[in-house]
Amino acid sequence: GGRGGEAGNPSTSLVLDQFGRNLTAAAMEGKLDPVIGREKEIERVMQVLSRRTKNNPVLIGEPGVGKTAVVEGLAQAIVHGDVPE
């Protein structure tokens, strides 16, 4: 397609490389700490991502409440195959 921002678009990849972190790669390399006590939140994010519509989870909270831990736990679950089909 002619729309910008599609997966595989080199400019998109450059922006993601500059501003993002590949958490699944970090999980594969064992660079993430184990996530303890966030199973309920991780499961809820998986449920939202699995929905057919309105499947964009948003994690909101003060610094230090565990938003990063939840997404790191999700990345680890993806790497270990502990996610719904």
C-alpha atoms as a PDB file:
ATOM      1  CA  GLY A   1       0.000   0.000   0.000  1.00  0.00           C
ATOM      2  CA  GLY A   2       0.925   3.610  -0.367  1.00  0.00           C
ATOM      3  CA  ARG A   3       0.241   4.555   3.230  1.00  0.00           C
ATOM      4  CA  GLY A   4       3.193   5.544   5.411  1.00  0.00           C
ATOM      5  CA  GLY A   5       3.908   3.880   8.723  1.00  0.00           C
ATOM      6  CA  GLU A   6       3.284   0.301   7.644  1.00  0.00           C
ATOM      7  CA  ALA A   7       5.253  -2.549   9.191  1.00  0.00           C
ATOM      8  CA  GLY A   8       8.464  -3.072   7.262  1.00  0.00           C
ATOM      9  CA  ASN A   9       8.595   0.522   6.060  1.00  0.00           C
ATOM     10  CA  PRO A  10      12.253   1.566   6.529  1.00  0.00           C
ATOM     11  CA  SER A  11      11.348   5.005   7.906  1.00  0.00           C
ATOM     12  CA  THR A  12       9.077   3.364  10.493  1.00  0.00           C
ATOM     13  CA  SER A  13      11.856   1.005  11.519  1.00  0.00           C
ATOM     14  CA  LEU A  14      14.301   3.877  11.930  1.00  0.00           C
ATOM     15  CA  VAL A  15      11.895   5.744  14.192  1.00  0.00           C
ATOM     16  CA  LEU A  16      11.190   2.633  16.252  1.00  0.00           C
ATOM     17  CA  ASP A  17      14.911   1.876  16.494  1.00  0.00           C
ATOM     18  CA  GLN A  18      15.588   5.424  17.653  1.00  0.00           C
ATOM     19  CA  PHE A  19      12.804   5.755  20.222  1.00  0.00           C
ATOM     20  CA  GLY A  20      11.759   2.205  21.130  1.00  0.00           C
ATOM     21  CA  ARG A  21      13.174  -0.940  22.724  1.00  0.00           C
ATOM     22  CA  ASN A  22      12.659  -4.417  21.303  1.00  0.00           C
ATOM     23  CA  LEU A  23      11.521  -6.094  24.501  1.00  0.00           C
ATOM     24  CA  THR A  24      10.997  -9.516  22.935  1.00  0.00           C
ATOM     25  CA  ALA A  25      14.620  -9.486  21.742  1.00  0.00           C
ATOM     26  CA  ALA A  26      15.741  -8.443  25.229  1.00  0.00           C
ATOM     27  CA  ALA A  27      13.648 -11.269  26.706  1.00  0.00           C
ATOM     28  CA  MET A  28      15.173 -13.789  24.272  1.00  0.00           C
ATOM     29  CA  GLU A  29      18.640 -12.664  25.332  1.00  0.00           C
ATOM     30  CA  GLY A  30      17.747 -12.979  29.028  1.00  0.00           C
ATOM     31  CA  LYS A  31      18.214  -9.256  29.612  1.00  0.00           C
ATOM     32  CA  LEU A  32      14.912  -8.732  31.446  1.00  0.00           C
ATOM     33  CA  ASP A  33      14.410  -9.363  35.142  1.00  0.00           C
ATOM     34  CA  PRO A  34      11.722 -11.867  36.140  1.00  0.00           C
ATOM     35  CA  VAL A  35       8.338 -10.248  36.730  1.00  0.00           C
ATOM     36  CA  ILE A  36       6.712 -11.218  40.019  1.00  0.00           C
ATOM     37  CA  GLY A  37       3.147 -10.481  41.093  1.00  0.00           C
ATOM     38  CA  ARG A  38       1.916  -8.934  37.834  1.00  0.00           C
ATOM     39  CA  GLU A  39       0.220 -11.989  36.348  1.00  0.00           C
ATOM     40  CA  LYS A  40      -3.265 -10.457  36.501  1.00  0.00           C
ATOM     41  CA  GLU A  41      -2.186  -7.272  34.695  1.00  0.00           C
ATOM     42  CA  ILE A  42      -0.203  -9.199  32.061  1.00  0.00           C
ATOM     43  CA  GLU A  43      -3.195 -11.491  31.449  1.00  0.00           C
ATOM     44  CA  ARG A  44      -5.460  -8.449  31.034  1.00  0.00           C
ATOM     45  CA  VAL A  45      -3.100  -6.886  28.474  1.00  0.00           C
ATOM     46  CA  MET A  46      -3.117 -10.210  26.575  1.00  0.00           C
ATOM     47  CA  GLN A  47      -6.931 -10.220  26.612  1.00  0.00           C
ATOM     48  CA  VAL A  48      -7.068  -6.701  25.186  1.00  0.00           C
ATOM     49  CA  LEU A  49      -4.480  -7.505  22.504  1.00  0.00           C
ATOM     50  CA  SER A  50      -6.444 -10.632  21.539  1.00  0.00           C
ATOM     51  CA  ARG A  51      -9.699  -8.778  20.918  1.00  0.00           C
ATOM     52  CA  ARG A  52     -10.911  -8.344  17.375  1.00  0.00           C
ATOM     53  CA  THR A  53     -11.571  -4.615  17.850  1.00  0.00           C
ATOM     54  CA  LYS A  54     -10.480  -2.019  20.383  1.00  0.00           C
ATOM     55  CA  ASN A  55      -7.299  -4.017  20.931  1.00  0.00           C
ATOM     56  CA  ASN A  56      -4.919  -1.252  21.969  1.00  0.00           C
ATOM     57  CA  PRO A  57      -4.064  -1.476  25.667  1.00  0.00           C
ATOM     58  CA  VAL A  58      -2.915   1.708  27.385  1.00  0.00           C
ATOM     59  CA  LEU A  59      -0.968   1.501  30.629  1.00  0.00           C
ATOM     60  CA  ILE A  60      -1.303   4.653  32.697  1.00  0.00           C
ATOM     61  CA  GLY A  61       0.152   5.373  36.097  1.00  0.00           C
ATOM     62  CA  GLU A  62       2.612   7.286  38.196  1.00  0.00           C
ATOM     63  CA  PRO A  63       6.326   6.522  37.812  1.00  0.00           C
ATOM     64  CA  GLY A  64       7.300   3.373  39.641  1.00  0.00           C
ATOM     65  CA  VAL A  65       3.917   1.644  39.759  1.00  0.00           C
ATOM     66  CA  GLY A  66       4.960  -1.172  37.395  1.00  0.00           C
ATOM     67  CA  LYS A  67       3.950  -0.252  33.843  1.00  0.00           C
ATOM     68  CA  THR A  68       7.315  -1.316  32.444  1.00  0.00           C
ATOM     69  CA  ALA A  69       7.229  -4.537  34.476  1.00  0.00           C
ATOM     70  CA  VAL A  70       3.892  -5.436  32.873  1.00  0.00           C
ATOM     71  CA  VAL A  71       5.153  -4.993  29.304  1.00  0.00           C
ATOM     72  CA  GLU A  72       8.416  -6.772  30.123  1.00  0.00           C
ATOM     73  CA  GLY A  73       6.375  -9.640  31.557  1.00  0.00           C
ATOM     74  CA  LEU A  74       4.325  -9.703  28.362  1.00  0.00           C
ATOM     75  CA  ALA A  75       7.514  -9.841  26.282  1.00  0.00           C
ATOM     76  CA  GLN A  76       8.756 -12.774  28.361  1.00  0.00           C
ATOM     77  CA  ALA A  77       5.417 -14.561  27.950  1.00  0.00           C
ATOM     78  CA  ILE A  78       5.613 -14.071  24.165  1.00  0.00           C
ATOM     79  CA  VAL A  79       9.148 -15.482  24.048  1.00  0.00           C
ATOM     80  CA  HIS A  80       8.139 -18.505  26.151  1.00  0.00           C
ATOM     81  CA  GLY A  81       5.000 -19.102  24.080  1.00  0.00           C
ATOM     82  CA  ASP A  82       2.746 -18.502  27.090  1.00  0.00           C
ATOM     83  CA  VAL A  83       0.237 -16.453  25.097  1.00  0.00           C
ATOM     84  CA  PRO A  84      -3.084 -17.220  23.380  1.00  0.00           C
ATOM     85  CA  GLU A  85      -2.993 -18.180  19.704  1.00  0.00           C
END
